[in-house]
Amino acid sequence: MSTPCPTCRGGSSAPRISHVVFSAAPRRDIRSGLLGFVAFDFAGFRFDGVAVRRTRDGRLVLSFPERTDSRGNRHAIVRPLDARRQIEDSVFRALGLDVNRDDRR
């Protein structure tokens, strides 16, 4: 499914989320909190392989891809800083997921 985010359009000068595509995880992974993977366009970049997860306390979060070096250390490939909440809110809305921001940390 490819769903442009309706809340990211309009006259705003802020970068927009678009071309959101979701791939569901297998049931065995869903039980452990991995709901699936999402790809989307944001600020002139294509993000792919971003995990959609439900935390133990029930929050929805995006986990961005990372790599592991030869020593076993993990390194973020991309790490949104100021735009993380905007990205999460927009992606979750595009996927039709109702997220109460007051419950998020």
PDB file of N, CA and C in Angstrom:
ATOM      1  N   MET A   1       0.837  -1.165   0.000  1.00  0.00           N
ATOM      2  CA  MET A   1       0.000   0.000   0.000  1.00  0.00           C
ATOM      3  C   MET A   1       0.885   1.231   0.000  1.00  0.00           C
ATOM      4  N   SER A   2       0.566   2.191  -0.780  1.00  0.00           N
ATOM      5  CA  SER A   2       1.304   3.442  -0.827  1.00  0.00           C
ATOM      6  C   SER A   2       0.339   4.554  -0.478  1.00  0.00           C
ATOM      7  N   THR A   3       0.557   5.202   0.668  1.00  0.00           N
ATOM      8  CA  THR A   3      -0.382   6.188   1.160  1.00  0.00           C
ATOM      9  C   THR A   3       0.337   7.475   1.498  1.00  0.00           C
ATOM     10  N   PRO A   4       0.149   8.535   0.680  1.00  0.00           N
ATOM     11  CA  PRO A   4       0.728   9.809   1.068  1.00  0.00           C
ATOM     12  C   PRO A   4       0.067  10.303   2.351  1.00  0.00           C
ATOM     13  N   CYS A   5       0.820  10.910   3.204  1.00  0.00           N
ATOM     14  CA  CYS A   5       0.314  11.388   4.485  1.00  0.00           C
ATOM     15  C   CYS A   5      -0.554  12.625   4.268  1.00  0.00           C
ATOM     16  N   PRO A   6      -1.859  12.571   4.596  1.00  0.00           N
ATOM     17  CA  PRO A   6      -2.733  13.720   4.380  1.00  0.00           C
ATOM     18  C   PRO A   6      -2.423  14.889   5.296  1.00  0.00           C
ATOM     19  N   THR A   7      -1.814  14.654   6.439  1.00  0.00           N
ATOM     20  CA  THR A   7      -1.528  15.739   7.380  1.00  0.00           C
ATOM     21  C   THR A   7      -0.241  16.479   7.039  1.00  0.00           C
ATOM     22  N   CYS A   8       0.508  15.979   6.061  1.00  0.00           N
ATOM     23  CA  CYS A   8       1.793  16.600   5.736  1.00  0.00           C
ATOM     24  C   CYS A   8       1.716  17.442   4.470  1.00  0.00           C
ATOM     25  N   ARG A   9       0.540  17.673   3.968  1.00  0.00           N
ATOM     26  CA  ARG A   9       0.373  18.480   2.757  1.00  0.00           C
ATOM     27  C   ARG A   9      -0.025  19.897   3.130  1.00  0.00           C
ATOM     28  N   GLY A  10      -0.109  20.736   2.119  1.00  0.00           N
ATOM     29  CA  GLY A  10      -0.598  22.082   2.347  1.00  0.00           C
ATOM     30  C   GLY A  10       0.494  23.109   2.182  1.00  0.00           C
ATOM     31  N   GLY A  11       0.245  24.296   2.728  1.00  0.00           N
ATOM     32  CA  GLY A  11       1.151  25.412   2.549  1.00  0.00           C
ATOM     33  C   GLY A  11       2.310  25.436   3.518  1.00  0.00           C
ATOM     34  N   SER A  12       2.441  24.448   4.341  1.00  0.00           N
ATOM     35  CA  SER A  12       3.520  24.439   5.328  1.00  0.00           C
ATOM     36  C   SER A  12       4.879  24.318   4.648  1.00  0.00           C
ATOM     37  N   SER A  13       5.864  25.006   5.207  1.00  0.00           N
ATOM     38  CA  SER A  13       7.219  24.902   4.659  1.00  0.00           C
ATOM     39  C   SER A  13       7.979  23.736   5.288  1.00  0.00           C
ATOM     40  N   ALA A  14       7.353  23.051   6.250  1.00  0.00           N
ATOM     41  CA  ALA A  14       8.005  21.909   6.892  1.00  0.00           C
ATOM     42  C   ALA A  14       8.086  20.748   5.911  1.00  0.00           C
ATOM     43  N   PRO A  15       9.142  19.933   6.010  1.00  0.00           N
ATOM     44  CA  PRO A  15       9.237  18.756   5.144  1.00  0.00           C
ATOM     45  C   PRO A  15       8.020  17.854   5.336  1.00  0.00           C
ATOM     46  N   ARG A  16       7.627  17.169   4.263  1.00  0.00           N
ATOM     47  CA  ARG A  16       6.445  16.325   4.296  1.00  0.00           C
ATOM     48  C   ARG A  16       6.803  14.857   4.189  1.00  0.00           C
ATOM     49  N   ILE A  17       5.991  14.027   4.819  1.00  0.00           N
ATOM     50  CA  ILE A  17       6.081  12.577   4.677  1.00  0.00           C
ATOM     51  C   ILE A  17       5.201  12.200   3.487  1.00  0.00           C
ATOM     52  N   SER A  18       5.702  11.332   2.627  1.00  0.00           N
ATOM     53  CA  SER A  18       4.888  10.864   1.504  1.00  0.00           C
ATOM     54  C   SER A  18       5.326   9.459   1.113  1.00  0.00           C
ATOM     55  N   HIS A  19       4.546   8.851   0.245  1.00  0.00           N
ATOM     56  CA  HIS A  19       4.845   7.520  -0.299  1.00  0.00           C
ATOM     57  C   HIS A  19       5.135   6.496   0.797  1.00  0.00           C
ATOM     58  N   VAL A  20       4.228   6.443   1.762  1.00  0.00           N
ATOM     59  CA  VAL A  20       4.372   5.528   2.898  1.00  0.00           C
ATOM     60  C   VAL A  20       3.936   4.132   2.478  1.00  0.00           C
ATOM     61  N   VAL A  21       4.814   3.156   2.679  1.00  0.00           N
ATOM     62  CA  VAL A  21       4.531   1.768   2.339  1.00  0.00           C
ATOM     63  C   VAL A  21       4.842   0.912   3.557  1.00  0.00           C
ATOM     64  N   PHE A  22       3.885   0.063   3.960  1.00  0.00           N
ATOM     65  CA  PHE A  22       4.030  -0.778   5.146  1.00  0.00           C
ATOM     66  C   PHE A  22       4.046  -2.244   4.753  1.00  0.00           C
ATOM     67  N   SER A  23       4.944  -3.002   5.350  1.00  0.00           N
ATOM     68  CA  SER A  23       5.005  -4.464   5.187  1.00  0.00           C
ATOM     69  C   SER A  23       4.876  -5.082   6.567  1.00  0.00           C
ATOM     70  N   ALA A  24       3.831  -5.870   6.773  1.00  0.00           N
ATOM     71  CA  ALA A  24       3.574  -6.476   8.079  1.00  0.00           C
ATOM     72  C   ALA A  24       4.606  -7.545   8.407  1.00  0.00           C
ATOM     73  N   ALA A  25       4.906  -7.664   9.685  1.00  0.00           N
ATOM     74  CA  ALA A  25       5.820  -8.701  10.175  1.00  0.00           C
ATOM     75  C   ALA A  25       5.060 -10.019  10.303  1.00  0.00           C
ATOM     76  N   PRO A  26       5.768 -11.147  10.319  1.00  0.00           N
ATOM     77  CA  PRO A  26       5.119 -12.434  10.583  1.00  0.00           C
ATOM     78  C   PRO A  26       4.509 -12.438  11.992  1.00  0.00           C
ATOM     79  N   ARG A  27       3.487 -13.253  12.195  1.00  0.00           N
ATOM     80  CA  ARG A  27       2.788 -13.303  13.491  1.00  0.00           C
ATOM     81  C   ARG A  27       3.722 -13.548  14.666  1.00  0.00           C
ATOM     82  N   ARG A  28       4.715 -14.408  14.497  1.00  0.00           N
ATOM     83  CA  ARG A  28       5.625 -14.704  15.614  1.00  0.00           C
ATOM     84  C   ARG A  28       6.381 -13.449  16.050  1.00  0.00           C
ATOM     85  N   ASP A  29       6.679 -12.554  15.106  1.00  0.00           N
ATOM     86  CA  ASP A  29       7.367 -11.309  15.448  1.00  0.00           C
ATOM     87  C   ASP A  29       6.400 -10.284  16.039  1.00  0.00           C
ATOM     88  N   ILE A  30       5.164 -10.287  15.566  1.00  0.00           N
ATOM     89  CA  ILE A  30       4.164  -9.352  16.085  1.00  0.00           C
ATOM     90  C   ILE A  30       3.949  -9.599  17.580  1.00  0.00           C
ATOM     91  N   ARG A  31       3.934 -10.856  17.973  1.00  0.00           N
ATOM     92  CA  ARG A  31       3.756 -11.186  19.397  1.00  0.00           C
ATOM     93  C   ARG A  31       4.870 -10.593  20.262  1.00  0.00           C
ATOM     94  N   SER A  32       6.054 -10.417  19.686  1.00  0.00           N
ATOM     95  CA  SER A  32       7.162  -9.853  20.462  1.00  0.00           C
ATOM     96  C   SER A  32       7.306  -8.339  20.285  1.00  0.00           C
ATOM     97  N   GLY A  33       6.355  -7.710  19.571  1.00  0.00           N
ATOM     98  CA  GLY A  33       6.347  -6.257  19.469  1.00  0.00           C
ATOM     99  C   GLY A  33       6.721  -5.679  18.123  1.00  0.00           C
ATOM    100  N   LEU A  34       7.267  -6.487  17.214  1.00  0.00           N
ATOM    101  CA  LEU A  34       7.602  -5.987  15.876  1.00  0.00           C
ATOM    102  C   LEU A  34       6.349  -6.088  15.012  1.00  0.00           C
ATOM    103  N   LEU A  35       5.762  -4.951  14.655  1.00  0.00           N
ATOM    104  CA  LEU A  35       4.536  -4.953  13.859  1.00  0.00           C
ATOM    105  C   LEU A  35       4.820  -5.054  12.373  1.00  0.00           C
ATOM    106  N   GLY A  36       5.972  -4.534  11.949  1.00  0.00           N
ATOM    107  CA  GLY A  36       6.327  -4.574  10.538  1.00  0.00           C
ATOM    108  C   GLY A  36       7.381  -3.541  10.214  1.00  0.00           C
ATOM    109  N   PHE A  37       7.516  -3.289   8.921  1.00  0.00           N
ATOM    110  CA  PHE A  37       8.499  -2.321   8.445  1.00  0.00           C
ATOM    111  C   PHE A  37       7.817  -1.302   7.555  1.00  0.00           C
ATOM    112  N   VAL A  38       8.332  -0.085   7.573  1.00  0.00           N
ATOM    113  CA  VAL A  38       7.751   0.991   6.788  1.00  0.00           C
ATOM    114  C   VAL A  38       8.859   1.664   5.980  1.00  0.00           C
ATOM    115  N   ALA A  39       8.475   2.135   4.810  1.00  0.00           N
ATOM    116  CA  ALA A  39       9.348   2.960   3.981  1.00  0.00           C
ATOM    117  C   ALA A  39       8.572   4.238   3.679  1.00  0.00           C
ATOM    118  N   PHE A  40       9.271   5.360   3.563  1.00  0.00           N
ATOM    119  CA  PHE A  40       8.604   6.637   3.301  1.00  0.00           C
ATOM    120  C   PHE A  40       9.622   7.658   2.801  1.00  0.00           C
ATOM    121  N   ASP A  41       9.112   8.714   2.192  1.00  0.00           N
ATOM    122  CA  ASP A  41       9.939   9.832   1.746  1.00  0.00           C
ATOM    123  C   ASP A  41       9.788  10.967   2.752  1.00  0.00           C
ATOM    124  N   PHE A  42      10.907  11.617   3.092  1.00  0.00           N
ATOM    125  CA  PHE A  42      10.890  12.750   4.014  1.00  0.00           C
ATOM    126  C   PHE A  42      12.087  13.642   3.715  1.00  0.00           C
ATOM    127  N   ALA A  43      11.833  14.910   3.527  1.00  0.00           N
ATOM    128  CA  ALA A  43      12.886  15.925   3.358  1.00  0.00           C
ATOM    129  C   ALA A  43      13.876  15.565   2.250  1.00  0.00           C
ATOM    130  N   GLY A  44      13.373  15.012   1.157  1.00  0.00           N
ATOM    131  CA  GLY A  44      14.231  14.692   0.034  1.00  0.00           C
ATOM    132  C   GLY A  44      14.985  13.380   0.145  1.00  0.00           C
ATOM    133  N   PHE A  45      14.690  12.596   1.170  1.00  0.00           N
ATOM    134  CA  PHE A  45      15.341  11.302   1.367  1.00  0.00           C
ATOM    135  C   PHE A  45      14.300  10.196   1.388  1.00  0.00           C
ATOM    136  N   ARG A  46      14.696   8.997   0.964  1.00  0.00           N
ATOM    137  CA  ARG A  46      13.862   7.803   1.075  1.00  0.00           C
ATOM    138  C   ARG A  46      14.348   7.016   2.277  1.00  0.00           C
ATOM    139  N   PHE A  47      13.484   6.812   3.245  1.00  0.00           N
ATOM    140  CA  PHE A  47      13.781   5.988   4.417  1.00  0.00           C
ATOM    141  C   PHE A  47      13.178   4.621   4.167  1.00  0.00           C
ATOM    142  N   ASP A  48      13.943   3.564   4.393  1.00  0.00           N
ATOM    143  CA  ASP A  48      13.461   2.204   4.150  1.00  0.00           C
ATOM    144  C   ASP A  48      13.972   1.308   5.266  1.00  0.00           C
ATOM    145  N   GLY A  49      13.244   0.253   5.544  1.00  0.00           N
ATOM    146  CA  GLY A  49      13.671  -0.672   6.589  1.00  0.00           C
ATOM    147  C   GLY A  49      13.485  -0.131   7.992  1.00  0.00           C
ATOM    148  N   VAL A  50      12.561   0.803   8.154  1.00  0.00           N
ATOM    149  CA  VAL A  50      12.278   1.381   9.471  1.00  0.00           C
ATOM    150  C   VAL A  50      11.250   0.481  10.160  1.00  0.00           C
ATOM    151  N   ALA A  51      11.584  -0.030  11.330  1.00  0.00           N
ATOM    152  CA  ALA A  51      10.695  -0.945  12.044  1.00  0.00           C
ATOM    153  C   ALA A  51       9.600  -0.176  12.772  1.00  0.00           C
ATOM    154  N   VAL A  52       8.395  -0.721  12.728  1.00  0.00           N
ATOM    155  CA  VAL A  52       7.278  -0.212  13.520  1.00  0.00           C
ATOM    156  C   VAL A  52       7.126  -1.193  14.676  1.00  0.00           C
ATOM    157  N   ARG A  53       7.262  -0.679  15.897  1.00  0.00           N
ATOM    158  CA  ARG A  53       7.247  -1.550  17.076  1.00  0.00           C
ATOM    159  C   ARG A  53       6.251  -1.048  18.110  1.00  0.00           C
ATOM    160  N   ARG A  54       5.733  -1.994  18.875  1.00  0.00           N
ATOM    161  CA  ARG A  54       4.945  -1.665  20.064  1.00  0.00           C
ATOM    162  C   ARG A  54       5.808  -2.028  21.261  1.00  0.00           C
ATOM    163  N   THR A  55       6.053  -1.040  22.120  1.00  0.00           N
ATOM    164  CA  THR A  55       6.899  -1.264  23.287  1.00  0.00           C
ATOM    165  C   THR A  55       6.138  -2.059  24.347  1.00  0.00           C
ATOM    166  N   ARG A  56       6.842  -2.526  25.335  1.00  0.00           N
ATOM    167  CA  ARG A  56       6.205  -3.303  26.415  1.00  0.00           C
ATOM    168  C   ARG A  56       5.119  -2.514  27.126  1.00  0.00           C
ATOM    169  N   ASP A  57       5.292  -1.181  27.186  1.00  0.00           N
ATOM    170  CA  ASP A  57       4.260  -0.364  27.841  1.00  0.00           C
ATOM    171  C   ASP A  57       3.183   0.107  26.865  1.00  0.00           C
ATOM    172  N   GLY A  58       3.186  -0.442  25.632  1.00  0.00           N
ATOM    173  CA  GLY A  58       2.105  -0.201  24.679  1.00  0.00           C
ATOM    174  C   GLY A  58       2.285   0.953  23.720  1.00  0.00           C
ATOM    175  N   ARG A  59       3.380   1.684  23.807  1.00  0.00           N
ATOM    176  CA  ARG A  59       3.603   2.806  22.890  1.00  0.00           C
ATOM    177  C   ARG A  59       4.025   2.313  21.515  1.00  0.00           C
ATOM    178  N   LEU A  60       3.646   3.052  20.490  1.00  0.00           N
ATOM    179  CA  LEU A  60       4.129   2.788  19.137  1.00  0.00           C
ATOM    180  C   LEU A  60       5.373   3.634  18.895  1.00  0.00           C
ATOM    181  N   VAL A  61       6.404   3.030  18.327  1.00  0.00           N
ATOM    182  CA  VAL A  61       7.641   3.752  18.027  1.00  0.00           C
ATOM    183  C   VAL A  61       8.198   3.271  16.693  1.00  0.00           C
ATOM    184  N   LEU A  62       9.017   4.112  16.100  1.00  0.00           N
ATOM    185  CA  LEU A  62       9.779   3.721  14.914  1.00  0.00           C
ATOM    186  C   LEU A  62      11.204   3.441  15.353  1.00  0.00           C
ATOM    187  N   SER A  63      11.774   2.359  14.843  1.00  0.00           N
ATOM    188  CA  SER A  63      13.178   2.031  15.091  1.00  0.00           C
ATOM    189  C   SER A  63      13.903   2.126  13.757  1.00  0.00           C
ATOM    190  N   PHE A  64      14.855   3.034  13.693  1.00  0.00           N
ATOM    191  CA  PHE A  64      15.561   3.279  12.443  1.00  0.00           C
ATOM    192  C   PHE A  64      16.704   2.285  12.266  1.00  0.00           C
ATOM    193  N   PRO A  65      17.038   1.970  11.017  1.00  0.00           N
ATOM    194  CA  PRO A  65      18.063   0.954  10.744  1.00  0.00           C
ATOM    195  C   PRO A  65      19.427   1.311  11.344  1.00  0.00           C
ATOM    196  N   GLU A  66      20.162   0.276  11.659  1.00  0.00           N
ATOM    197  CA  GLU A  66      21.525   0.435  12.145  1.00  0.00           C
ATOM    198  C   GLU A  66      22.369  -0.719  11.622  1.00  0.00           C
ATOM    199  N   ARG A  67      23.654  -0.549  11.702  1.00  0.00           N
ATOM    200  CA  ARG A  67      24.561  -1.609  11.279  1.00  0.00           C
ATOM    201  C   ARG A  67      25.395  -2.038  12.472  1.00  0.00           C
ATOM    202  N   THR A  68      25.929  -3.230  12.405  1.00  0.00           N
ATOM    203  CA  THR A  68      26.794  -3.747  13.462  1.00  0.00           C
ATOM    204  C   THR A  68      28.186  -3.938  12.879  1.00  0.00           C
ATOM    205  N   ASP A  69      29.194  -3.370  13.555  1.00  0.00           N
ATOM    206  CA  ASP A  69      30.556  -3.492  13.045  1.00  0.00           C
ATOM    207  C   ASP A  69      31.164  -4.839  13.449  1.00  0.00           C
ATOM    208  N   SER A  70      32.393  -5.057  13.042  1.00  0.00           N
ATOM    209  CA  SER A  70      33.049  -6.346  13.288  1.00  0.00           C
ATOM    210  C   SER A  70      33.277  -6.626  14.771  1.00  0.00           C
ATOM    211  N   ARG A  71      33.209  -5.609  15.593  1.00  0.00           N
ATOM    212  CA  ARG A  71      33.365  -5.789  17.042  1.00  0.00           C
ATOM    213  C   ARG A  71      32.029  -5.970  17.761  1.00  0.00           C
ATOM    214  N   GLY A  72      30.946  -5.929  16.998  1.00  0.00           N
ATOM    215  CA  GLY A  72      29.621  -6.090  17.593  1.00  0.00           C
ATOM    216  C   GLY A  72      28.991  -4.790  18.067  1.00  0.00           C
ATOM    217  N   ASN A  73      29.629  -3.667  17.780  1.00  0.00           N
ATOM    218  CA  ASN A  73      29.075  -2.361  18.162  1.00  0.00           C
ATOM    219  C   ASN A  73      28.039  -1.929  17.136  1.00  0.00           C
ATOM    220  N   ARG A  74      26.919  -1.401  17.645  1.00  0.00           N
ATOM    221  CA  ARG A  74      25.846  -0.953  16.753  1.00  0.00           C
ATOM    222  C   ARG A  74      26.006   0.535  16.451  1.00  0.00           C
ATOM    223  N   HIS A  75      25.738   0.884  15.183  1.00  0.00           N
ATOM    224  CA  HIS A  75      25.859   2.272  14.726  1.00  0.00           C
ATOM    225  C   HIS A  75      24.618   2.634  13.933  1.00  0.00           C
ATOM    226  N   ALA A  76      24.002   3.759  14.296  1.00  0.00           N
ATOM    227  CA  ALA A  76      22.820   4.228  13.578  1.00  0.00           C
ATOM    228  C   ALA A  76      23.203   4.602  12.149  1.00  0.00           C
ATOM    229  N   ILE A  77      22.372   4.221  11.206  1.00  0.00           N
ATOM    230  CA  ILE A  77      22.564   4.644   9.819  1.00  0.00           C
ATOM    231  C   ILE A  77      21.975   6.034   9.651  1.00  0.00           C
ATOM    232  N   VAL A  78      20.832   6.248  10.241  1.00  0.00           N
ATOM    233  CA  VAL A  78      20.203   7.570  10.264  1.00  0.00           C
ATOM    234  C   VAL A  78      19.569   7.724  11.640  1.00  0.00           C
ATOM    235  N   ARG A  79      19.675   8.921  12.187  1.00  0.00           N
ATOM    236  CA  ARG A  79      19.114   9.169  13.515  1.00  0.00           C
ATOM    237  C   ARG A  79      18.414  10.526  13.489  1.00  0.00           C
ATOM    238  N   PRO A  80      17.097  10.533  13.303  1.00  0.00           N
ATOM    239  CA  PRO A  80      16.389  11.817  13.305  1.00  0.00           C
ATOM    240  C   PRO A  80      16.488  12.472  14.683  1.00  0.00           C
ATOM    241  N   LEU A  81      16.764  13.741  14.695  1.00  0.00           N
ATOM    242  CA  LEU A  81      16.890  14.439  15.965  1.00  0.00           C
ATOM    243  C   LEU A  81      15.635  15.266  16.224  1.00  0.00           C
ATOM    244  N   ASP A  82      15.587  16.456  15.693  1.00  0.00           N
ATOM    245  CA  ASP A  82      14.456  17.351  15.945  1.00  0.00           C
ATOM    246  C   ASP A  82      13.161  16.881  15.291  1.00  0.00           C
ATOM    247  N   ALA A  83      13.252  16.117  14.240  1.00  0.00           N
ATOM    248  CA  ALA A  83      12.063  15.740  13.469  1.00  0.00           C
ATOM    249  C   ALA A  83      11.484  14.384  13.868  1.00  0.00           C
ATOM    250  N   ARG A  84      12.031  13.735  14.863  1.00  0.00           N
ATOM    251  CA  ARG A  84      11.580  12.371  15.197  1.00  0.00           C
ATOM    252  C   ARG A  84      10.081  12.303  15.480  1.00  0.00           C
ATOM    253  N   ARG A  85       9.578  13.177  16.318  1.00  0.00           N
ATOM    254  CA  ARG A  85       8.137  13.147  16.638  1.00  0.00           C
ATOM    255  C   ARG A  85       7.290  13.458  15.420  1.00  0.00           C
ATOM    256  N   GLN A  86       7.712  14.416  14.617  1.00  0.00           N
ATOM    257  CA  GLN A  86       6.975  14.751  13.396  1.00  0.00           C
ATOM    258  C   GLN A  86       6.926  13.539  12.474  1.00  0.00           C
ATOM    259  N   ILE A  87       8.052  12.865  12.312  1.00  0.00           N
ATOM    260  CA  ILE A  87       8.104  11.686  11.455  1.00  0.00           C
ATOM    261  C   ILE A  87       7.195  10.593  12.008  1.00  0.00           C
ATOM    262  N   GLU A  88       7.321  10.283  13.295  1.00  0.00           N
ATOM    263  CA  GLU A  88       6.489   9.225  13.880  1.00  0.00           C
ATOM    264  C   GLU A  88       5.008   9.559  13.761  1.00  0.00           C
ATOM    265  N   ASP A  89       4.617  10.775  14.143  1.00  0.00           N
ATOM    266  CA  ASP A  89       3.201  11.157  14.067  1.00  0.00           C
ATOM    267  C   ASP A  89       2.672  11.033  12.647  1.00  0.00           C
ATOM    268  N   SER A  90       3.438  11.535  11.685  1.00  0.00           N
ATOM    269  CA  SER A  90       2.994  11.523  10.291  1.00  0.00           C
ATOM    270  C   SER A  90       2.907  10.107   9.734  1.00  0.00           C
ATOM    271  N   VAL A  91       3.897   9.276  10.032  1.00  0.00           N
ATOM    272  CA  VAL A  91       3.883   7.892   9.551  1.00  0.00           C
ATOM    273  C   VAL A  91       2.713   7.134  10.176  1.00  0.00           C
ATOM    274  N   PHE A  92       2.520   7.269  11.489  1.00  0.00           N
ATOM    275  CA  PHE A  92       1.432   6.557  12.151  1.00  0.00           C
ATOM    276  C   PHE A  92       0.074   7.009  11.608  1.00  0.00           C
ATOM    277  N   ARG A  93      -0.097   8.310  11.354  1.00  0.00           N
ATOM    278  CA  ARG A  93      -1.359   8.799  10.768  1.00  0.00           C
ATOM    279  C   ARG A  93      -1.563   8.212   9.373  1.00  0.00           C
ATOM    280  N   ALA A  94      -0.500   8.191   8.577  1.00  0.00           N
ATOM    281  CA  ALA A  94      -0.608   7.643   7.216  1.00  0.00           C
ATOM    282  C   ALA A  94      -0.990   6.170   7.242  1.00  0.00           C
ATOM    283  N   LEU A  95      -0.566   5.467   8.302  1.00  0.00           N
ATOM    284  CA  LEU A  95      -0.895   4.045   8.442  1.00  0.00           C
ATOM    285  C   LEU A  95      -2.251   3.833   9.113  1.00  0.00           C
ATOM    286  N   GLY A  96      -2.903   4.926   9.507  1.00  0.00           N
ATOM    287  CA  GLY A  96      -4.204   4.817  10.155  1.00  0.00           C
ATOM    288  C   GLY A  96      -4.123   4.359  11.598  1.00  0.00           C
ATOM    289  N   LEU A  97      -2.968   4.575  12.242  1.00  0.00           N
ATOM    290  CA  LEU A  97      -2.796   4.181  13.635  1.00  0.00           C
ATOM    291  C   LEU A  97      -3.093   5.376  14.530  1.00  0.00           C
ATOM    292  N   ASP A  98      -3.960   5.192  15.491  1.00  0.00           N
ATOM    293  CA  ASP A  98      -4.326   6.248  16.419  1.00  0.00           C
ATOM    294  C   ASP A  98      -3.322   6.259  17.557  1.00  0.00           C
ATOM    295  N   VAL A  99      -2.581   7.337  17.658  1.00  0.00           N
ATOM    296  CA  VAL A  99      -1.546   7.442  18.674  1.00  0.00           C
ATOM    297  C   VAL A  99      -1.860   8.645  19.552  1.00  0.00           C
ATOM    298  N   ASN A 100      -1.986   8.394  20.854  1.00  0.00           N
ATOM    299  CA  ASN A 100      -2.203   9.463  21.808  1.00  0.00           C
ATOM    300  C   ASN A 100      -0.848   9.981  22.255  1.00  0.00           C
ATOM    301  N   ARG A 101      -0.483  11.162  21.833  1.00  0.00           N
ATOM    302  CA  ARG A 101       0.839  11.719  22.119  1.00  0.00           C
ATOM    303  C   ARG A 101       1.062  11.968  23.610  1.00  0.00           C
ATOM    304  N   ASP A 102       0.001  12.168  24.373  1.00  0.00           N
ATOM    305  CA  ASP A 102       0.172  12.423  25.801  1.00  0.00           C
ATOM    306  C   ASP A 102       0.763  11.216  26.518  1.00  0.00           C
ATOM    307  N   ASP A 103       0.565  10.020  25.966  1.00  0.00           N
ATOM    308  CA  ASP A 103       1.072   8.798  26.577  1.00  0.00           C
ATOM    309  C   ASP A 103       2.493   8.477  26.140  1.00  0.00           C
ATOM    310  N   ARG A 104       3.034   9.237  25.206  1.00  0.00           N
ATOM    311  CA  ARG A 104       4.367   8.944  24.658  1.00  0.00           C
ATOM    312  C   ARG A 104       5.428   9.610  25.509  1.00  0.00           C
ATOM    313  N   ARG A 105       6.601   9.025  25.531  1.00  0.00           N
ATOM    314  CA  ARG A 105       7.700   9.604  26.305  1.00  0.00           C
ATOM    315  C   ARG A 105       8.709  10.232  25.405  1.00  0.00           C
TER     316      ARG A 105
END
